[in-house]
Protein backbone atom coordinates (compact mmCIF):
# COMPACT_ATOMS: atom_id res chain seq x y z
CA UNK A 1 0.00 0.00 0.00
CA UNK A 2 1.34 3.45 -0.87
CA UNK A 3 1.99 5.89 2.00
CA UNK A 4 -0.84 8.35 2.61
CA UNK A 5 0.24 11.84 3.65
CA UNK A 6 -2.35 14.42 4.71
CA UNK A 7 -2.17 18.19 4.89
CA UNK A 8 -1.05 19.34 8.37
CA UNK A 9 -4.31 21.00 9.47
CA UNK A 10 -6.54 17.94 9.19
CA UNK A 11 -8.18 16.99 12.53
CA UNK A 12 -7.31 13.56 13.96
CA UNK A 13 -10.83 12.12 13.62
CA UNK A 14 -11.08 13.00 9.94
CA UNK A 15 -7.53 11.78 9.41
CA UNK A 16 -8.32 8.32 10.82
CA UNK A 17 -11.55 7.95 8.88
CA UNK A 18 -10.00 9.21 5.66
CA UNK A 19 -7.02 6.86 5.90
CA UNK A 20 -9.26 3.84 6.42
CA UNK A 21 -11.55 4.91 3.58
CA UNK A 22 -8.72 5.59 1.12
CA UNK A 23 -6.96 2.33 1.91
CA UNK A 24 -10.18 0.39 1.31
CA UNK A 25 -10.66 2.01 -2.09
CA UNK A 26 -7.03 1.59 -3.14
CA UNK A 27 -7.06 -2.09 -2.18
CA UNK A 28 -10.03 -2.62 -4.48
CA UNK A 29 -8.26 -1.08 -7.47
CA UNK A 30 -4.73 -2.27 -6.67
CA UNK A 31 -3.26 -3.11 -10.10
CA UNK A 32 -1.34 -6.23 -9.09
CA UNK A 33 -4.18 -7.72 -7.05
CA UNK A 34 -6.75 -6.96 -9.73
CA UNK A 35 -4.62 -8.49 -12.48
CA UNK A 36 -3.82 -11.64 -10.52
CA UNK A 37 -7.53 -12.19 -9.90
CA UNK A 38 -8.10 -12.27 -13.66
CA UNK A 39 -4.93 -14.15 -14.62
CA UNK A 40 -5.81 -17.22 -12.56
CA UNK A 41 -7.79 -18.54 -15.53
CA UNK A 42 -4.94 -17.95 -18.00
CA UNK A 43 -3.09 -21.20 -18.78
CA UNK A 44 0.66 -21.44 -18.24
CA UNK A 45 1.34 -23.75 -21.15
CA UNK A 46 3.76 -21.75 -23.29
CA UNK A 47 6.37 -18.96 -23.08
CA UNK A 48 4.57 -15.67 -22.46
CA UNK A 49 5.74 -12.14 -23.19
CA UNK A 50 4.56 -8.97 -21.45
CA UNK A 51 4.13 -5.55 -23.06
CA UNK A 52 3.08 -2.99 -20.45
CA UNK A 53 2.57 0.75 -20.61
CA UNK A 54 0.89 3.23 -18.29
CA UNK A 55 1.08 4.51 -14.75
CA UNK A 56 0.31 1.08 -13.28
CA UNK A 57 2.47 -0.92 -15.69
CA UNK A 58 5.14 -1.88 -13.16
CA UNK A 59 2.66 -3.24 -10.62
CA UNK A 60 0.76 -5.08 -13.36
CA UNK A 61 3.98 -6.56 -14.75
CA UNK A 62 4.94 -7.72 -11.28
CA UNK A 63 1.62 -9.55 -11.03
CA UNK A 64 2.01 -11.09 -14.47
CA UNK A 65 5.50 -12.42 -13.69
CA UNK A 66 4.29 -13.84 -10.37
CA UNK A 67 1.50 -15.70 -12.15
CA UNK A 68 3.57 -16.95 -15.07
CA UNK A 69 6.48 -18.35 -13.08
CA UNK A 70 8.92 -20.19 -15.34
CA UNK A 71 6.68 -19.56 -18.37
CA UNK A 72 7.59 -15.86 -18.27
CA UNK A 73 9.71 -15.04 -21.31
CA UNK A 74 10.39 -11.31 -21.43
CA UNK A 75 8.81 -7.94 -20.60
CA UNK A 76 9.07 -4.42 -21.97
CA UNK A 77 7.61 -1.86 -19.57
CA UNK A 78 6.94 1.85 -20.12
CA UNK A 79 6.23 3.69 -16.86
CA UNK A 80 6.62 7.04 -15.06
CA UNK A 81 10.23 7.75 -14.11
CA UNK A 82 9.72 7.82 -10.30
CA UNK A 83 8.23 4.32 -10.44
CA UNK A 84 10.98 3.05 -12.74
CA UNK A 85 13.61 4.27 -10.27
CA UNK A 86 11.90 2.39 -7.42
CA UNK A 87 11.16 -0.82 -9.35
CA UNK A 88 12.92 -4.01 -8.27
CA UNK A 89 12.45 -6.95 -10.61
CA UNK A 90 14.45 -10.11 -9.96
CA UNK A 91 14.25 -11.21 -13.59
CA UNK A 92 16.92 -9.93 -15.96
CA UNK A 93 14.39 -10.22 -18.79
CA UNK A 94 12.47 -7.08 -17.76
CA UNK A 95 13.35 -3.91 -19.69
CA UNK A 96 12.13 -0.73 -17.99
CA UNK A 97 11.83 2.60 -19.78
CA UNK A 98 10.93 5.88 -18.04
CA UNK A 99 8.29 7.91 -19.87
CA UNK A 100 6.50 11.21 -19.43
CA UNK A 101 2.82 12.07 -19.04
CA UNK A 102 0.51 13.75 -20.02
CA UNK A 103 2.67 15.25 -22.78
CA UNK A 104 4.87 12.78 -24.70
CA UNK A 105 8.59 13.42 -25.02
CA UNK A 106 11.40 12.06 -27.16
CA UNK A 107 12.17 9.41 -24.58
CA UNK A 108 8.59 8.18 -24.91
CA UNK A 109 9.21 7.73 -28.62
CA UNK A 110 12.52 5.97 -27.97
CA UNK A 111 10.91 3.65 -25.42
CA UNK A 112 8.07 2.89 -27.80
CA UNK A 113 10.58 1.87 -30.48
CA UNK A 114 12.00 -0.69 -28.04
CA UNK A 115 8.52 -2.01 -27.33
CA UNK A 116 7.80 -2.32 -31.05
CA UNK A 117 11.03 -4.26 -31.57
CA UNK A 118 10.04 -6.62 -28.79
CA UNK A 119 6.56 -7.06 -30.29
CA UNK A 120 7.96 -7.87 -33.72
CA UNK A 121 10.44 -10.39 -32.30
CA UNK A 122 7.93 -12.58 -30.44
CA UNK A 123 7.78 -16.08 -32.01
CA UNK A 124 4.44 -17.08 -33.46
CA UNK A 125 4.11 -20.04 -31.08
CA UNK A 126 4.49 -17.87 -27.95
CA UNK A 127 1.81 -15.94 -26.06
CA UNK A 128 1.72 -12.19 -25.39
CA UNK A 129 -0.23 -10.29 -22.78
CA UNK A 130 -0.59 -6.53 -23.13
CA UNK A 131 -1.11 -4.55 -19.91
CA UNK A 132 -2.63 -1.08 -20.26
CA UNK A 133 -3.32 1.54 -17.59
CA UNK A 134 -3.85 5.28 -17.21
CA UNK A 135 -1.41 7.50 -19.08
CA UNK A 136 -0.71 4.82 -21.67
CA UNK A 137 -1.80 6.94 -24.61
CA UNK A 138 0.93 9.49 -23.87
CA UNK A 139 3.65 6.98 -22.98
CA UNK A 140 3.12 4.82 -26.07
CA UNK A 141 4.07 7.33 -28.76
CA UNK A 142 4.93 6.60 -32.40
CA UNK A 143 4.15 9.65 -34.56
CA UNK A 144 2.83 9.01 -38.04
CA UNK A 145 5.00 10.07 -41.00
CA UNK A 146 5.16 13.86 -41.35
CA UNK A 147 3.73 14.31 -37.84
CA UNK A 148 6.22 15.83 -35.39
CA UNK A 149 6.50 15.33 -31.66
CA UNK A 150 6.01 19.07 -31.26
CA UNK A 151 2.68 18.91 -33.08
CA UNK A 152 1.46 16.07 -30.86
CA UNK A 153 2.54 17.92 -27.71
CA UNK A 154 0.92 21.20 -28.75
CA UNK A 155 -2.32 19.54 -29.80
CA UNK A 156 -2.49 17.59 -26.55
CA UNK A 157 -1.65 20.67 -24.47
CA UNK A 158 -4.38 22.71 -26.14
CA UNK A 159 -7.00 20.03 -25.50
CA UNK A 160 -5.94 19.54 -21.89
CA UNK A 161 -6.02 23.25 -21.19
CA UNK A 162 -9.58 23.66 -22.42
CA UNK A 163 -10.73 20.63 -20.45
CA UNK A 164 -11.42 18.29 -23.37
CA UNK A 165 -12.73 14.86 -22.31
CA UNK A 166 -10.32 11.94 -22.56
CA UNK A 167 -12.44 10.40 -25.32
CA UNK A 168 -11.79 13.42 -27.53
CA UNK A 169 -8.11 13.60 -26.63
CA UNK A 170 -7.52 9.94 -27.42
CA UNK A 171 -9.53 10.16 -30.64
CA UNK A 172 -7.29 12.98 -31.85
CA UNK A 173 -4.17 11.11 -30.73
CA UNK A 174 -5.23 8.14 -32.86
CA UNK A 175 -5.07 10.38 -35.93
CA UNK A 176 -1.46 11.32 -35.17
CA UNK A 177 0.07 8.05 -33.97
CA UNK A 178 0.75 4.77 -35.79
CA UNK A 179 0.15 2.53 -32.76
CA UNK A 180 -3.24 3.88 -31.81
CA UNK A 181 -6.52 2.38 -33.07
CA UNK A 182 -5.17 -1.14 -33.52
CA UNK A 183 -1.63 -0.20 -34.53
CA UNK A 184 0.04 -2.30 -31.86
CA UNK A 185 -2.13 -5.28 -32.78
CA UNK A 186 -0.75 -4.96 -36.31
CA UNK A 187 2.82 -5.11 -34.96
CA UNK A 188 1.86 -8.36 -33.18
CA UNK A 189 0.12 -9.89 -36.19
CA UNK A 190 2.41 -12.96 -36.21
CA UNK A 191 1.14 -13.97 -32.72
CA UNK A 192 -2.33 -15.50 -32.53
CA UNK A 193 -2.33 -16.09 -28.76
CA UNK A 194 -2.88 -12.58 -27.38
CA UNK A 195 -4.67 -11.11 -24.38
CA UNK A 196 -5.16 -7.52 -23.25
CA UNK A 197 -5.78 -6.54 -19.62
CA UNK A 198 -6.83 -2.97 -18.91
CA UNK A 199 -6.98 -0.87 -15.77
CA UNK A 200 -9.56 1.54 -17.12
CA UNK A 201 -9.27 5.29 -16.67
CA UNK A 202 -12.06 5.99 -19.15
CA UNK A 203 -15.71 6.42 -18.24
CA UNK A 204 -17.69 3.59 -19.79
CA UNK A 205 -14.60 1.34 -20.09
CA UNK A 206 -14.65 1.27 -23.90
CA UNK A 207 -11.50 -0.63 -25.01
CA UNK A 208 -11.40 1.36 -28.24
CA UNK A 209 -11.01 4.56 -26.20
CA UNK A 210 -8.69 3.41 -23.40
CA UNK A 211 -5.15 4.44 -24.44
CA UNK A 212 -6.61 5.17 -27.90
CA UNK A 213 -7.19 1.45 -28.48
CA UNK A 214 -3.71 0.21 -29.52
CA UNK A 215 -4.93 -3.41 -29.62
CA UNK A 216 -8.46 -2.59 -30.76
CA UNK A 217 -8.11 -3.48 -34.44
CA UNK A 218 -11.76 -4.30 -35.20
CA UNK A 219 -15.29 -4.21 -33.77
CA UNK A 220 -15.23 -6.45 -31.85
CA UNK A 221 -11.42 -6.64 -31.55
CA UNK A 222 -9.66 -9.84 -32.58
CA UNK A 223 -7.81 -9.88 -29.25
CA UNK A 224 -9.75 -10.46 -25.99
CA UNK A 225 -9.85 -7.31 -23.86
CA UNK A 226 -10.45 -7.69 -20.11
CA UNK A 227 -11.17 -4.77 -17.76
CA UNK A 228 -9.54 -5.67 -14.42
CA UNK A 229 -10.69 -2.57 -12.48
CA UNK A 230 -12.32 0.77 -13.19
CA UNK A 231 -13.98 3.81 -11.69
CA UNK A 232 -16.99 1.67 -10.81
CA UNK A 233 -14.72 -0.68 -8.86
CA UNK A 234 -13.57 2.23 -6.71
CA UNK A 235 -17.11 3.50 -6.13
CA UNK A 236 -18.35 0.05 -5.15
CA UNK A 237 -15.50 -0.25 -2.64
CA UNK A 238 -16.35 3.17 -1.23
CA UNK A 239 -20.01 2.20 -0.83
CA UNK A 240 -18.96 -1.00 0.94
CA UNK A 241 -16.74 0.99 3.30
CA UNK A 242 -19.65 3.28 4.14
CA UNK A 243 -21.88 0.30 4.90
CA UNK A 244 -19.26 -1.24 7.21
CA UNK A 245 -19.00 2.05 9.09
CA UNK A 246 -22.77 2.56 9.30
CA UNK A 247 -22.68 5.60 7.05
CA UNK A 248 -25.70 6.05 4.82
CA UNK A 249 -24.88 6.50 1.12
CA UNK A 250 -28.15 7.34 -0.66
CA UNK A 251 -26.57 8.94 -3.73
CA UNK A 252 -23.85 7.35 -5.88
CA UNK A 253 -23.36 9.37 -9.05
CA UNK A 254 -21.33 7.46 -11.63
CA UNK A 255 -19.66 8.37 -14.89
CA UNK A 256 -19.45 12.10 -14.23
CA UNK A 257 -17.85 14.13 -17.01
CA UNK A 258 -17.77 17.82 -17.87
CA UNK A 259 -16.65 20.83 -15.87
CA UNK A 260 -15.52 20.38 -12.28
CA UNK A 261 -17.67 23.34 -11.26
CA UNK A 262 -20.81 21.53 -12.45
CA UNK A 263 -19.89 18.36 -10.55
CA UNK A 264 -19.18 20.34 -7.38
CA UNK A 265 -22.49 22.16 -7.67
CA UNK A 266 -24.34 18.87 -8.08
CA UNK A 267 -22.72 17.45 -4.94
CA UNK A 268 -23.61 20.53 -2.92
CA UNK A 269 -27.23 20.44 -4.09
CA UNK A 270 -27.56 16.75 -3.21
CA UNK A 271 -26.13 17.30 0.24
CA UNK A 272 -28.12 20.39 1.17
CA UNK A 273 -31.38 18.90 -0.13
CA UNK A 274 -30.95 15.60 1.68
CA UNK A 275 -33.31 14.61 4.48
CA UNK A 276 -31.07 11.73 5.57
CA UNK A 277 -29.89 11.72 9.16
CA UNK A 278 -26.11 12.00 9.59
CA UNK A 279 -23.71 10.40 9.10
CA UNK A 280 -24.37 10.37 5.37
CA UNK A 281 -22.04 10.21 2.36
CA UNK A 282 -22.62 11.47 -1.15
CA UNK A 283 -20.37 9.82 -3.71
CA UNK A 284 -19.35 10.89 -7.16
CA UNK A 285 -17.08 9.13 -9.62
CA UNK A 286 -15.91 9.94 -13.08
CA UNK A 287 -13.50 12.20 -14.88
CA UNK A 288 -14.53 15.84 -14.57
CA UNK A 289 -12.23 18.30 -16.29
CA UNK A 290 -10.98 21.84 -15.80
CA UNK A 291 -10.89 24.61 -18.36
CA UNK A 292 -7.53 25.95 -17.21
CA UNK A 293 -7.64 29.72 -17.55
CA UNK A 294 -4.87 30.22 -15.01
CA UNK A 295 -1.41 30.20 -16.56
CA UNK A 296 0.91 29.86 -13.57
CA UNK A 297 -0.94 27.60 -11.16
CA UNK A 298 -0.18 24.06 -10.04
CA UNK A 299 -3.11 21.74 -9.57
CA UNK A 300 -5.44 19.23 -11.12
CA UNK A 301 -9.14 18.48 -11.51
CA UNK A 302 -9.35 16.42 -8.29
CA UNK A 303 -7.97 19.24 -6.15
CA UNK A 304 -10.14 21.72 -8.05
CA UNK A 305 -13.21 19.58 -7.35
CA UNK A 306 -12.43 19.38 -3.64
CA UNK A 307 -11.93 23.11 -3.16
CA UNK A 308 -14.92 24.06 -5.31
CA UNK A 309 -17.23 21.66 -3.45
CA UNK A 310 -15.98 22.89 -0.08
CA UNK A 311 -16.56 26.49 -1.10
CA UNK A 312 -20.12 25.66 -2.15
CA UNK A 313 -20.73 24.11 1.29
CA UNK A 314 -18.98 26.80 3.33
CA UNK A 315 -22.21 28.43 4.57
CA UNK A 316 -24.04 25.17 5.27
CA UNK A 317 -25.37 24.84 8.84
CA UNK A 318 -24.20 21.24 9.29
CA UNK A 319 -20.77 19.71 9.82
CA UNK A 320 -19.23 18.36 6.61
CA UNK A 321 -16.03 16.97 5.16
CA UNK A 322 -14.99 16.65 1.51
CA UNK A 323 -12.63 13.90 0.34
CA UNK A 324 -11.42 13.75 -3.25
CA UNK A 325 -9.10 11.07 -4.57
CA UNK A 326 -7.55 10.09 -7.88
CA UNK A 327 -6.90 6.36 -7.74
CA UNK A 328 -3.70 6.50 -9.81
CA UNK A 329 -2.08 8.90 -7.36
CA UNK A 330 -1.39 11.68 -9.85
CA UNK A 331 -3.81 14.59 -10.11
CA UNK A 332 -2.43 16.27 -13.21
CA UNK A 333 0.92 17.99 -12.54
CA UNK A 334 0.07 18.62 -8.87
CA UNK A 335 1.98 15.59 -7.48
CA UNK A 336 -0.99 15.09 -5.15
CA UNK A 337 -3.59 12.33 -5.09
CA UNK A 338 -6.44 14.42 -3.71
CA UNK A 339 -7.44 16.49 -0.71
CA UNK A 340 -9.54 16.43 2.44
CA UNK A 341 -11.35 19.56 3.55
CA UNK A 342 -13.55 20.19 6.58
CA UNK A 343 -16.03 22.87 7.59
CA UNK A 344 -13.63 24.22 10.22
CA UNK A 345 -10.93 24.79 7.60
CA UNK A 346 -13.19 27.21 5.72
CA UNK A 347 -14.58 29.04 8.75
CA UNK A 348 -12.62 32.24 8.14
CA UNK A 349 -13.82 34.61 5.36
CA UNK A 350 -10.21 35.30 4.39
CA UNK A 351 -9.68 31.58 3.73
CA UNK A 352 -12.71 31.42 1.48
CA UNK A 353 -11.49 34.40 -0.51
CA UNK A 354 -8.05 32.85 -0.87
CA UNK A 355 -9.67 29.66 -2.18
CA UNK A 356 -11.68 31.62 -4.75
CA UNK A 357 -8.52 33.29 -5.99
CA UNK A 358 -6.63 30.01 -6.16
CA UNK A 359 -9.43 28.45 -8.21
CA UNK A 360 -9.28 31.34 -10.67
CA UNK A 361 -5.53 30.79 -11.04
CA UNK A 362 -5.90 26.99 -11.12
CA UNK A 363 -3.33 27.02 -8.31
CA UNK A 364 -5.08 24.48 -6.13
CA UNK A 365 -2.02 22.55 -4.92
CA UNK A 366 -0.54 25.69 -3.39
CA UNK A 367 -3.86 26.48 -1.72
CA UNK A 368 -4.29 23.00 -0.27
CA UNK A 369 -0.77 23.11 1.16
CA UNK A 370 -1.67 26.23 3.18
CA UNK A 371 -4.89 24.89 4.73
């Protein structure tokens, strides 16, 4: 389990509850555990290769190697640099390549070339499993002829800044990249025995959208695609935690997209209109986005959602807490996984005004660090 660090001002009671809640959710979507649960039905009858890319690729590869045992042949893994530096694989047949996200870089392209070479070299009587998780569409980068890395970066940056949904971003990426929309499946065309396991970061869990569908070469795809965990998995775990702690959870809103401000407003309306007796939890899951007008701020949509919701509840007569969490541990460039805010934190008018200003600048990480 990853260490959970809270902002200094959080009261002890909320800290204990939040830690237990977060750990329950993260256990449910743990990449290695989730993959192993699905791999138990995969036979170990031939040499098996692993191609993994995304923010959870190292944990998923670890699970795959554990399952395969002596049938593991070789792995090529594209992952965020901090996780690559911490990774400890016993096998000498694991090649790790640090990559960047959400904007691809030259080292992403170089790493992708290595993955393509591995894919092309796999014998036709071997098996390959492809492991895909959040951030994969940026890490797996092979620009089409006459498309430059700079063009891909600028296009992606423009879409991210205006809060484009991931479906749109990945659709555009597929027009610029040779491996998207079934391109990787084409590189593996000599291998018939193929499986894809996905840790979904896309609302609706459409395999053609996740990571821009590198193995999705047809409708339906010729390669089996298995979702091992998703946003719904996290919400179900959260609801189960509430039930164990005798917390009512009358509203679970799934598959939320669109502006963070709209999602925050919806949460506040649900809470203030509720006739449920406390303790009560209102849950929301999805991928709301931020139209980033601020040019110098550090933050992400999860922090923005937390602060905006708290601000909407600031004048409420009841005691409240807001917990936001991104299950992959990376809320945009903020280097934070979420935030916890309480009514007491927003008691002072000066604090509320500072939050409003931070939201306008999209500087939510700085604001959360001061609370």
